[in-house]
C-alpha atoms as a PDB file:
ATOM      1  CA  MET A   1      70.174  12.349  24.129  1.00  0.00           C
ATOM      2  CA  PRO A   2      71.121  10.594  20.845  1.00  0.00           C
ATOM      3  CA  GLY A   3      70.967   7.245  22.671  1.00  0.00           C
ATOM      4  CA  PHE A   4      67.486   8.074  23.934  1.00  0.00           C
ATOM      5  CA  VAL A   5      66.302   8.974  20.424  1.00  0.00           C
ATOM      6  CA  ALA A   6      67.779   5.750  18.998  1.00  0.00           C
ATOM      7  CA  ALA A   7      66.172   3.670  21.763  1.00  0.00           C
ATOM      8  CA  THR A   8      62.837   5.412  21.221  1.00  0.00           C
ATOM      9  CA  ILE A   9      62.967   4.783  17.472  1.00  0.00           C
ATOM     10  CA  LEU A  10      63.904   1.125  18.046  1.00  0.00           C
ATOM     11  CA  THR A  11      61.053   0.631  20.526  1.00  0.00           C
ATOM     12  CA  LEU A  12      58.520   2.270  18.217  1.00  0.00           C
ATOM     13  CA  VAL A  13      59.723   0.398  15.135  1.00  0.00           C
ATOM     14  CA  LEU A  14      59.310  -2.920  16.911  1.00  0.00           C
ATOM     15  CA  HIS A  15      55.630  -2.133  17.537  1.00  0.00           C
ATOM     16  CA  HIS A  16      54.631  -0.314  14.332  1.00  0.00           C
ATOM     17  CA  PRO A  17      55.091  -0.704  10.592  1.00  0.00           C
ATOM     18  CA  ALA A  18      58.248   1.184   9.652  1.00  0.00           C
ATOM     19  CA  PRO A  19      57.867   4.583   8.014  1.00  0.00           C
ATOM     20  CA  ARG A  20      59.343   5.173   4.577  1.00  0.00           C
ATOM     21  CA  VAL A  21      61.450   8.274   5.110  1.00  0.00           C
ATOM     22  CA  GLN A  22      63.950   9.372   2.497  1.00  0.00           C
ATOM     23  CA  VAL A  23      65.005  12.560   4.245  1.00  0.00           C
ATOM     24  CA  GLN A  24      68.546  12.800   5.565  1.00  0.00           C
ATOM     25  CA  GLY A  25      69.953  13.979   8.888  1.00  0.00           C
ATOM     26  CA  HIS A  26      68.061  15.440  11.821  1.00  0.00           C
ATOM     27  CA  ALA A  27      65.066  16.303   9.663  1.00  0.00           C
ATOM     28  CA  GLY A  28      64.778  12.641   8.647  1.00  0.00           C
ATOM     29  CA  ASP A  29      64.987  11.545  12.280  1.00  0.00           C
ATOM     30  CA  ALA A  30      62.273  14.071  13.153  1.00  0.00           C
ATOM     31  CA  VAL A  31      60.003  12.818  10.367  1.00  0.00           C
ATOM     32  CA  ARG A  32      60.519   9.180  11.436  1.00  0.00           C
ATOM     33  CA  LEU A  33      59.644   9.987  15.047  1.00  0.00           C
ATOM     34  CA  ALA A  34      56.621  12.026  13.926  1.00  0.00           C
ATOM     35  CA  VAL A  35      55.320   9.199  11.729  1.00  0.00           C
ATOM     36  CA  LEU A  36      55.762   6.687  14.540  1.00  0.00           C
ATOM     37  CA  GLY A  37      54.020   9.075  16.953  1.00  0.00           C
ATOM     38  CA  ALA A  38      51.189   9.602  14.458  1.00  0.00           C
ATOM     39  CA  GLN A  39      50.801   5.822  14.105  1.00  0.00           C
ATOM     40  CA  ARG A  40      50.536   5.559  17.886  1.00  0.00           C
ATOM     41  CA  ARG A  41      47.927   8.341  18.017  1.00  0.00           C
ATOM     42  CA  LEU A  42      45.887   6.754  15.232  1.00  0.00           C
ATOM     43  CA  ARG A  43      45.435   3.591  17.300  1.00  0.00           C
ATOM     44  CA  GLU A  44      43.056   5.627  19.488  1.00  0.00           C
ATOM     45  CA  PRO A  45      39.423   5.595  18.273  1.00  0.00           C
ATOM     46  CA  GLU A  46      38.989   9.347  18.881  1.00  0.00           C
ATOM     47  CA  CYS A  47      41.969  10.162  16.692  1.00  0.00           C
ATOM     48  CA  ARG A  48      40.891   7.743  13.946  1.00  0.00           C
ATOM     49  CA  ALA A  49      37.534   9.540  13.914  1.00  0.00           C
ATOM     50  CA  VAL A  50      39.253  12.393  12.083  1.00  0.00           C
ATOM     51  CA  LEU A  51      38.899  10.207   8.974  1.00  0.00           C
ATOM     52  CA  SER A  52      35.113  10.689   9.134  1.00  0.00           C
ATOM     53  CA  ASP A  53      35.256  14.426   9.791  1.00  0.00           C
ATOM     54  CA  PHE A  54      35.771  15.509   6.187  1.00  0.00           C
ATOM     55  CA  GLY A  55      33.398  13.211   4.291  1.00  0.00           C
ATOM     56  CA  GLU A  56      31.638  16.079   2.563  1.00  0.00           C
ATOM     57  CA  PHE A  57      34.956  17.234   1.088  1.00  0.00           C
ATOM     58  CA  ALA A  58      36.383  13.839   0.183  1.00  0.00           C
ATOM     59  CA  GLY A  59      33.756  12.579  -2.263  1.00  0.00           C
ATOM     60  CA  GLY A  60      32.744   9.366  -0.535  1.00  0.00           C
ATOM     61  CA  GLY A  61      34.730   9.514   2.634  1.00  0.00           C
ATOM     62  CA  LEU A  62      38.251   8.906   3.734  1.00  0.00           C
ATOM     63  CA  GLU A  63      37.241   5.949   5.910  1.00  0.00           C
ATOM     64  CA  SER A  64      35.894   4.040   2.914  1.00  0.00           C
ATOM     65  CA  ARG A  65      39.004   4.841   0.885  1.00  0.00           C
ATOM     66  CA  LEU A  66      41.202   3.547   3.671  1.00  0.00           C
ATOM     67  CA  ALA A  67      39.004   0.450   4.111  1.00  0.00           C
ATOM     68  CA  SER A  68      39.331  -0.295   0.384  1.00  0.00           C
ATOM     69  CA  THR A  69      43.101  -0.656   0.864  1.00  0.00           C
ATOM     70  CA  GLY A  70      42.658  -3.381   3.488  1.00  0.00           C
ATOM     71  CA  LEU A  71      44.903  -1.418   5.845  1.00  0.00           C
ATOM     72  CA  ASP A  72      44.330   0.441   9.071  1.00  0.00           C
ATOM     73  CA  ALA A  73      45.533   4.033   9.427  1.00  0.00           C
ATOM     74  CA  SER A  74      48.874   2.957  10.885  1.00  0.00           C
ATOM     75  CA  GLY A  75      49.481   0.578   8.001  1.00  0.00           C
ATOM     76  CA  TRP A  76      48.552   3.260   5.478  1.00  0.00           C
ATOM     77  CA  LEU A  77      51.021   5.648   7.096  1.00  0.00           C
ATOM     78  CA  SER A  78      53.751   3.054   6.632  1.00  0.00           C
ATOM     79  CA  LEU A  79      53.144   3.186   2.858  1.00  0.00           C
ATOM     80  CA  ILE A  80      53.473   6.949   2.562  1.00  0.00           C
ATOM     81  CA  VAL A  81      56.902   7.962   1.298  1.00  0.00           C
ATOM     82  CA  PHE A  82      58.409  11.091   2.858  1.00  0.00           C
ATOM     83  CA  VAL A  83      61.062  12.703   0.670  1.00  0.00           C
ATOM     84  CA  ASP A  84      63.145  15.852   0.936  1.00  0.00           C
ATOM     85  CA  GLY A  85      61.200  18.852  -0.336  1.00  0.00           C
ATOM     86  CA  ILE A  86      64.242  20.744  -1.569  1.00  0.00           C
ATOM     87  CA  GLY A  87      63.270  22.412  -4.802  1.00  0.00           C
ATOM     88  CA  GLN A  88      59.560  22.364  -4.009  1.00  0.00           C
ATOM     89  CA  GLU A  89      58.134  25.838  -4.568  1.00  0.00           C
ATOM     90  CA  ARG A  90      55.814  25.615  -1.558  1.00  0.00           C
ATOM     91  CA  CYS A  91      58.735  24.661   0.734  1.00  0.00           C
ATOM     92  CA  ARG A  92      60.034  28.185   0.196  1.00  0.00           C
ATOM     93  CA  ARG A  93      57.107  29.558   2.204  1.00  0.00           C
ATOM     94  CA  ASP A  94      57.754  30.090   5.919  1.00  0.00           C
ATOM     95  CA  ASP A  95      54.478  28.485   6.997  1.00  0.00           C
ATOM     96  CA  VAL A  96      54.797  25.200   5.086  1.00  0.00           C
ATOM     97  CA  VAL A  97      56.217  22.074   6.737  1.00  0.00           C
ATOM     98  CA  PHE A  98      54.974  19.320   4.382  1.00  0.00           C
ATOM     99  CA  VAL A  99      53.650  19.314   0.812  1.00  0.00           C
ATOM    100  CA  THR A 100      51.617  16.702  -1.061  1.00  0.00           C
ATOM    101  CA  ALA A 101      48.771  16.435  -3.546  1.00  0.00           C
ATOM    102  CA  PRO A 102      45.447  14.732  -2.849  1.00  0.00           C
ATOM    103  CA  GLY A 103      45.741  11.027  -3.601  1.00  0.00           C
ATOM    104  CA  SER A 104      49.545  10.972  -3.787  1.00  0.00           C
ATOM    105  CA  ARG A 105      51.513   8.686  -1.480  1.00  0.00           C
ATOM    106  CA  VAL A 106      54.557  10.979  -1.699  1.00  0.00           C
ATOM    107  CA  VAL A 107      54.880  13.745   0.894  1.00  0.00           C
ATOM    108  CA  PHE A 108      57.629  16.334   0.606  1.00  0.00           C
ATOM    109  CA  ALA A 109      59.210  17.407   3.889  1.00  0.00           C
ATOM    110  CA  CYS A 110      60.476  20.984   4.101  1.00  0.00           C
ATOM    111  CA  ALA A 111      63.547  19.910   6.061  1.00  0.00           C
ATOM    112  CA  ALA A 112      64.523  23.160   7.791  1.00  0.00           C
ATOM    113  CA  ARG A 113      60.985  23.732   9.084  1.00  0.00           C
ATOM    114  CA  VAL A 114      60.547  20.096  10.113  1.00  0.00           C
ATOM    115  CA  ARG A 115      63.775  20.295  12.131  1.00  0.00           C
ATOM    116  CA  ALA A 116      62.847  23.595  13.777  1.00  0.00           C
ATOM    117  CA  LEU A 117      59.296  22.569  14.629  1.00  0.00           C
ATOM    118  CA  ALA A 118      60.352  19.139  15.909  1.00  0.00           C
ATOM    119  CA  ALA A 119      62.837  20.787  18.255  1.00  0.00           C
ATOM    120  CA  SER A 120      60.162  22.941  19.876  1.00  0.00           C
ATOM    121  CA  ARG A 121      56.831  21.131  19.286  1.00  0.00           C
ATOM    122  CA  PRO A 122      57.233  17.514  18.165  1.00  0.00           C
ATOM    123  CA  GLU A 123      53.537  16.839  18.784  1.00  0.00           C
ATOM    124  CA  ARG A 124      52.735  19.457  16.143  1.00  0.00           C
ATOM    125  CA  VAL A 125      54.835  17.565  13.576  1.00  0.00           C
ATOM    126  CA  GLU A 126      52.859  14.399  14.436  1.00  0.00           C
ATOM    127  CA  ALA A 127      49.599  16.269  13.833  1.00  0.00           C
ATOM    128  CA  LEU A 128      50.905  17.552  10.505  1.00  0.00           C
ATOM    129  CA  VAL A 129      51.829  14.004   9.469  1.00  0.00           C
ATOM    130  CA  ILE A 130      48.209  12.973  10.133  1.00  0.00           C
ATOM    131  CA  HIS A 131      47.049  16.055   8.205  1.00  0.00           C
ATOM    132  CA  GLU A 132      49.159  14.942   5.226  1.00  0.00           C
ATOM    133  CA  MET A 133      47.874  11.374   5.550  1.00  0.00           C
ATOM    134  CA  LEU A 134      44.349  12.725   5.035  1.00  0.00           C
ATOM    135  CA  HIS A 135      45.526  14.329   1.783  1.00  0.00           C
ATOM    136  CA  THR A 136      47.102  11.058   0.630  1.00  0.00           C
ATOM    137  CA  LEU A 137      43.674   9.469   1.043  1.00  0.00           C
ATOM    138  CA  GLY A 138      42.211  12.117  -1.264  1.00  0.00           C
ATOM    139  CA  LEU A 139      41.254  15.084   0.905  1.00  0.00           C
ATOM    140  CA  GLY A 140      41.758  18.363  -0.930  1.00  0.00           C
ATOM    141  CA  GLU A 141      42.001  21.865   0.497  1.00  0.00           C
ATOM    142  CA  ASN A 142      39.991  25.067   0.306  1.00  0.00           C
ATOM    143  CA  PRO A 143      37.570  23.874   1.472  1.00  0.00           C
ATOM    144  CA  PRO A 144      38.447  22.812   4.074  1.00  0.00           C
ATOM    145  CA  SER A 145      41.343  25.148   4.745  1.00  0.00           C
ATOM    146  CA  SER A 146      44.710  23.818   5.818  1.00  0.00           C
ATOM    147  CA  ARG A 147      44.147  25.445   9.194  1.00  0.00           C
ATOM    148  CA  GLU A 148      40.752  23.730   9.611  1.00  0.00           C
ATOM    149  CA  ILE A 149      42.289  20.331   8.857  1.00  0.00           C
ATOM    150  CA  THR A 150      45.127  20.803  11.337  1.00  0.00           C
ATOM    151  CA  GLU A 151      42.800  22.154  14.033  1.00  0.00           C
ATOM    152  CA  ARG A 152      40.544  19.114  13.643  1.00  0.00           C
ATOM    153  CA  VAL A 153      43.516  16.760  13.859  1.00  0.00           C
ATOM    154  CA  ASN A 154      44.737  18.580  16.981  1.00  0.00           C
ATOM    155  CA  ALA A 155      41.292  18.343  18.579  1.00  0.00           C
ATOM    156  CA  ARG A 156      40.872  14.634  17.809  1.00  0.00           C
ATOM    157  CA  CYS A 157      44.432  13.404  18.277  1.00  0.00           C
ATOM    158  CA  ARG A 158      45.630  14.940  21.545  1.00  0.00           C
END
């Protein structure tokens, strides 16, 4: 299985901008695969449409913010830095996998939960990466709730 994972990462890296993951071990591998999977999903128009779903909460729209960077969604994802969330207060909660602030390009990965979720539902980790990407473009929460954001990503990015 490790050879398969390495071959999968190599294949994906050759076709996508490389993710910036500063998380060690299996959790880091899981984040890398999730980012690459999210980049693949975001090449589909239906998935990219999630950027227009939260315009009323993003003060001008996430699509226009992304367009102002000159990047597509996949390129933007390659600029987000994923770091280990050890020491992050919110990573102590059982229901938190990633943590960021609206507009920040740094996303904290709660390593133990990333590893566990990736082992059972890797597609869920991909959806959460897209969820966090929306925050890096400026989307806040409450409203919309974290659950609403993830449900919309799941609906759009199957």
